[in-house]
Amino acid sequence: MFKADNIIIKIANSIDLEGIVKLQSENQKSKGGTLSSELNINQIEEMMKV
């Protein structure tokens, strides 16, 4: 379990897109992470509109 008092969670916006894509890429199974698929920046942006 991970615990940190300095974590801030907020709703992402278009300014966050590049960071989301980078974080997603770094957490792929091929790099030791737990994500097995990857969304491109356009797909994530569309999901933010909903």
PDB file of N, CA and C in Angstrom:
ATOM      1  N   MET A   1       0.843  -1.176   0.000  1.00  0.00           N
ATOM      2  CA  MET A   1       0.000   0.000   0.000  1.00  0.00           C
ATOM      3  C   MET A   1       0.886   1.236   0.000  1.00  0.00           C
ATOM      4  N   PHE A   2       0.411   2.282  -0.663  1.00  0.00           N
ATOM      5  CA  PHE A   2       1.152   3.527  -0.771  1.00  0.00           C
ATOM      6  C   PHE A   2       0.402   4.614  -0.023  1.00  0.00           C
ATOM      7  N   LYS A   3       1.106   5.371   0.788  1.00  0.00           N
ATOM      8  CA  LYS A   3       0.483   6.469   1.521  1.00  0.00           C
ATOM      9  C   LYS A   3       1.365   7.698   1.416  1.00  0.00           C
ATOM     10  N   ALA A   4       0.771   8.788   1.034  1.00  0.00           N
ATOM     11  CA  ALA A   4       1.497  10.053   0.982  1.00  0.00           C
ATOM     12  C   ALA A   4       0.531  11.182   1.310  1.00  0.00           C
ATOM     13  N   ASP A   5       0.968  12.084   2.115  1.00  0.00           N
ATOM     14  CA  ASP A   5       0.115  13.203   2.518  1.00  0.00           C
ATOM     15  C   ASP A   5       0.144  14.351   1.515  1.00  0.00           C
ATOM     16  N   ASN A   6       1.079  14.317   0.581  1.00  0.00           N
ATOM     17  CA  ASN A   6       1.224  15.448  -0.332  1.00  0.00           C
ATOM     18  C   ASN A   6       0.647  15.181  -1.723  1.00  0.00           C
ATOM     19  N   ILE A   7      -0.244  14.206  -1.856  1.00  0.00           N
ATOM     20  CA  ILE A   7      -0.872  13.906  -3.146  1.00  0.00           C
ATOM     21  C   ILE A   7      -2.134  14.752  -3.303  1.00  0.00           C
ATOM     22  N   ILE A   8      -2.244  15.383  -4.465  1.00  0.00           N
ATOM     23  CA  ILE A   8      -3.419  16.182  -4.794  1.00  0.00           C
ATOM     24  C   ILE A   8      -4.095  15.544  -6.000  1.00  0.00           C
ATOM     25  N   ILE A   9      -5.371  15.260  -5.884  1.00  0.00           N
ATOM     26  CA  ILE A   9      -6.138  14.672  -6.980  1.00  0.00           C
ATOM     27  C   ILE A   9      -7.121  15.713  -7.491  1.00  0.00           C
ATOM     28  N   LYS A  10      -7.111  15.928  -8.806  1.00  0.00           N
ATOM     29  CA  LYS A  10      -8.026  16.891  -9.404  1.00  0.00           C
ATOM     30  C   LYS A  10      -8.486  16.379 -10.747  1.00  0.00           C
ATOM     31  N   ILE A  11      -9.485  17.005 -11.315  1.00  0.00           N
ATOM     32  CA  ILE A  11      -9.988  16.637 -12.634  1.00  0.00           C
ATOM     33  C   ILE A  11      -8.989  17.130 -13.678  1.00  0.00           C
ATOM     34  N   ALA A  12      -8.605  16.228 -14.571  1.00  0.00           N
ATOM     35  CA  ALA A  12      -7.637  16.572 -15.614  1.00  0.00           C
ATOM     36  C   ALA A  12      -8.283  17.458 -16.676  1.00  0.00           C
ATOM     37  N   ASN A  13      -7.445  18.233 -17.347  1.00  0.00           N
ATOM     38  CA  ASN A  13      -7.917  19.044 -18.467  1.00  0.00           C
ATOM     39  C   ASN A  13      -6.909  18.944 -19.611  1.00  0.00           C
ATOM     40  N   SER A  14      -7.109  19.678 -20.672  1.00  0.00           N
ATOM     41  CA  SER A  14      -6.263  19.560 -21.857  1.00  0.00           C
ATOM     42  C   SER A  14      -4.790  19.853 -21.571  1.00  0.00           C
ATOM     43  N   ILE A  15      -4.506  20.649 -20.582  1.00  0.00           N
ATOM     44  CA  ILE A  15      -3.116  20.936 -20.215  1.00  0.00           C
ATOM     45  C   ILE A  15      -2.416  19.675 -19.713  1.00  0.00           C
ATOM     46  N   ASP A  16      -3.169  18.739 -19.181  1.00  0.00           N
ATOM     47  CA  ASP A  16      -2.624  17.509 -18.610  1.00  0.00           C
ATOM     48  C   ASP A  16      -2.420  16.389 -19.625  1.00  0.00           C
ATOM     49  N   LEU A  17      -2.880  16.550 -20.856  1.00  0.00           N
ATOM     50  CA  LEU A  17      -2.882  15.461 -21.836  1.00  0.00           C
ATOM     51  C   LEU A  17      -1.505  14.837 -22.061  1.00  0.00           C
ATOM     52  N   GLU A  18      -0.486  15.629 -22.296  1.00  0.00           N
ATOM     53  CA  GLU A  18       0.839  15.075 -22.559  1.00  0.00           C
ATOM     54  C   GLU A  18       1.347  14.274 -21.369  1.00  0.00           C
ATOM     55  N   GLY A  19       1.101  14.751 -20.164  1.00  0.00           N
ATOM     56  CA  GLY A  19       1.512  14.033 -18.959  1.00  0.00           C
ATOM     57  C   GLY A  19       0.763  12.726 -18.790  1.00  0.00           C
ATOM     58  N   ILE A  20      -0.514  12.718 -19.132  1.00  0.00           N
ATOM     59  CA  ILE A  20      -1.319  11.490 -19.046  1.00  0.00           C
ATOM     60  C   ILE A  20      -0.775  10.450 -20.014  1.00  0.00           C
ATOM     61  N   VAL A  21      -0.487  10.863 -21.236  1.00  0.00           N
ATOM     62  CA  VAL A  21       0.043   9.949 -22.245  1.00  0.00           C
ATOM     63  C   VAL A  21       1.397   9.397 -21.792  1.00  0.00           C
ATOM     64  N   LYS A  22       2.248  10.254 -21.243  1.00  0.00           N
ATOM     65  CA  LYS A  22       3.567   9.818 -20.764  1.00  0.00           C
ATOM     66  C   LYS A  22       3.424   8.828 -19.599  1.00  0.00           C
ATOM     67  N   LEU A  23       2.578   9.144 -18.639  1.00  0.00           N
ATOM     68  CA  LEU A  23       2.364   8.261 -17.485  1.00  0.00           C
ATOM     69  C   LEU A  23       1.819   6.907 -17.935  1.00  0.00           C
ATOM     70  N   GLN A  24       0.871   6.938 -18.861  1.00  0.00           N
ATOM     71  CA  GLN A  24       0.296   5.713 -19.400  1.00  0.00           C
ATOM     72  C   GLN A  24       1.373   4.867 -20.077  1.00  0.00           C
ATOM     73  N   SER A  25       2.227   5.502 -20.863  1.00  0.00           N
ATOM     74  CA  SER A  25       3.299   4.790 -21.561  1.00  0.00           C
ATOM     75  C   SER A  25       4.280   4.145 -20.586  1.00  0.00           C
ATOM     76  N   GLU A  26       4.606   4.851 -19.522  1.00  0.00           N
ATOM     77  CA  GLU A  26       5.556   4.349 -18.532  1.00  0.00           C
ATOM     78  C   GLU A  26       4.992   3.201 -17.702  1.00  0.00           C
ATOM     79  N   ASN A  27       3.680   3.015 -17.714  1.00  0.00           N
ATOM     80  CA  ASN A  27       3.045   1.975 -16.908  1.00  0.00           C
ATOM     81  C   ASN A  27       2.531   0.790 -17.725  1.00  0.00           C
ATOM     82  N   GLN A  28       3.058   0.615 -18.931  1.00  0.00           N
ATOM     83  CA  GLN A  28       2.709  -0.539 -19.762  1.00  0.00           C
ATOM     84  C   GLN A  28       3.365  -1.805 -19.215  1.00  0.00           C
ATOM     85  N   LYS A  29       2.729  -2.949 -19.441  1.00  0.00           N
ATOM     86  CA  LYS A  29       3.277  -4.235 -18.975  1.00  0.00           C
ATOM     87  C   LYS A  29       4.694  -4.449 -19.480  1.00  0.00           C
ATOM     88  N   SER A  30       4.975  -4.023 -20.691  1.00  0.00           N
ATOM     89  CA  SER A  30       6.307  -4.214 -21.277  1.00  0.00           C
ATOM     90  C   SER A  30       7.391  -3.455 -20.512  1.00  0.00           C
ATOM     91  N   LYS A  31       6.969  -2.498 -19.686  1.00  0.00           N
ATOM     92  CA  LYS A  31       7.920  -1.721 -18.880  1.00  0.00           C
ATOM     93  C   LYS A  31       7.777  -2.031 -17.396  1.00  0.00           C
ATOM     94  N   GLY A  32       7.104  -3.142 -17.078  1.00  0.00           N
ATOM     95  CA  GLY A  32       6.948  -3.551 -15.690  1.00  0.00           C
ATOM     96  C   GLY A  32       5.707  -3.024 -15.007  1.00  0.00           C
ATOM     97  N   GLY A  33       4.850  -2.312 -15.743  1.00  0.00           N
ATOM     98  CA  GLY A  33       3.622  -1.765 -15.181  1.00  0.00           C
ATOM     99  C   GLY A  33       2.471  -2.753 -15.259  1.00  0.00           C
ATOM    100  N   THR A  34       1.269  -2.253 -15.064  1.00  0.00           N
ATOM    101  CA  THR A  34       0.091  -3.120 -15.075  1.00  0.00           C
ATOM    102  C   THR A  34      -0.876  -2.817 -16.218  1.00  0.00           C
ATOM    103  N   LEU A  35      -0.589  -1.820 -17.036  1.00  0.00           N
ATOM    104  CA  LEU A  35      -1.480  -1.497 -18.154  1.00  0.00           C
ATOM    105  C   LEU A  35      -1.168  -2.394 -19.341  1.00  0.00           C
ATOM    106  N   SER A  36      -2.198  -2.909 -19.981  1.00  0.00           N
ATOM    107  CA  SER A  36      -1.989  -3.813 -21.107  1.00  0.00           C
ATOM    108  C   SER A  36      -2.373  -3.199 -22.451  1.00  0.00           C
ATOM    109  N   SER A  37      -2.965  -2.027 -22.435  1.00  0.00           N
ATOM    110  CA  SER A  37      -3.287  -1.356 -23.690  1.00  0.00           C
ATOM    111  C   SER A  37      -3.006   0.136 -23.522  1.00  0.00           C
ATOM    112  N   GLU A  38      -3.017   0.835 -24.644  1.00  0.00           N
ATOM    113  CA  GLU A  38      -2.649   2.247 -24.614  1.00  0.00           C
ATOM    114  C   GLU A  38      -3.623   3.058 -25.470  1.00  0.00           C
ATOM    115  N   LEU A  39      -4.057   4.188 -24.955  1.00  0.00           N
ATOM    116  CA  LEU A  39      -4.917   5.102 -25.700  1.00  0.00           C
ATOM    117  C   LEU A  39      -4.054   6.221 -26.263  1.00  0.00           C
ATOM    118  N   ASN A  40      -4.395   6.691 -27.469  1.00  0.00           N
ATOM    119  CA  ASN A  40      -3.633   7.819 -27.996  1.00  0.00           C
ATOM    120  C   ASN A  40      -4.203   9.127 -27.450  1.00  0.00           C
ATOM    121  N   ILE A  41      -3.503  10.201 -27.677  1.00  0.00           N
ATOM    122  CA  ILE A  41      -3.876  11.493 -27.099  1.00  0.00           C
ATOM    123  C   ILE A  41      -5.273  11.936 -27.550  1.00  0.00           C
ATOM    124  N   ASN A  42      -5.647  11.612 -28.798  1.00  0.00           N
ATOM    125  CA  ASN A  42      -6.973  11.992 -29.296  1.00  0.00           C
ATOM    126  C   ASN A  42      -8.084  11.229 -28.575  1.00  0.00           C
ATOM    127  N   GLN A  43      -7.844   9.957 -28.299  1.00  0.00           N
ATOM    128  CA  GLN A  43      -8.830   9.152 -27.580  1.00  0.00           C
ATOM    129  C   GLN A  43      -9.031   9.682 -26.161  1.00  0.00           C
ATOM    130  N   ILE A  44      -7.949  10.031 -25.509  1.00  0.00           N
ATOM    131  CA  ILE A  44      -8.050  10.557 -24.130  1.00  0.00           C
ATOM    132  C   ILE A  44      -8.776  11.896 -24.148  1.00  0.00           C
ATOM    133  N   GLU A  45      -8.458  12.733 -25.110  1.00  0.00           N
ATOM    134  CA  GLU A  45      -9.115  14.040 -25.221  1.00  0.00           C
ATOM    135  C   GLU A  45     -10.623  13.881 -25.428  1.00  0.00           C
ATOM    136  N   GLU A  46     -11.031  12.935 -26.263  1.00  0.00           N
ATOM    137  CA  GLU A  46     -12.463  12.684 -26.475  1.00  0.00           C
ATOM    138  C   GLU A  46     -13.129  12.209 -25.181  1.00  0.00           C
ATOM    139  N   MET A  47     -12.450  11.369 -24.433  1.00  0.00           N
ATOM    140  CA  MET A  47     -13.008  10.873 -23.176  1.00  0.00           C
ATOM    141  C   MET A  47     -13.202  12.009 -22.167  1.00  0.00           C
ATOM    142  N   MET A  48     -12.350  13.020 -22.239  1.00  0.00           N
ATOM    143  CA  MET A  48     -12.454  14.151 -21.312  1.00  0.00           C
ATOM    144  C   MET A  48     -13.690  15.001 -21.593  1.00  0.00           C
ATOM    145  N   LYS A  49     -14.186  14.939 -22.812  1.00  0.00           N
ATOM    146  CA  LYS A  49     -15.348  15.742 -23.208  1.00  0.00           C
ATOM    147  C   LYS A  49     -16.640  15.210 -22.643  1.00  0.00           C
ATOM    148  N   VAL A  50     -16.667  13.959 -22.277  1.00  0.00           N
ATOM    149  CA  VAL A  50     -17.896  13.316 -21.796  1.00  0.00           C
ATOM    150  C   VAL A  50     -18.213  13.764 -20.392  1.00  0.00           C
TER     151      VAL A  50
END
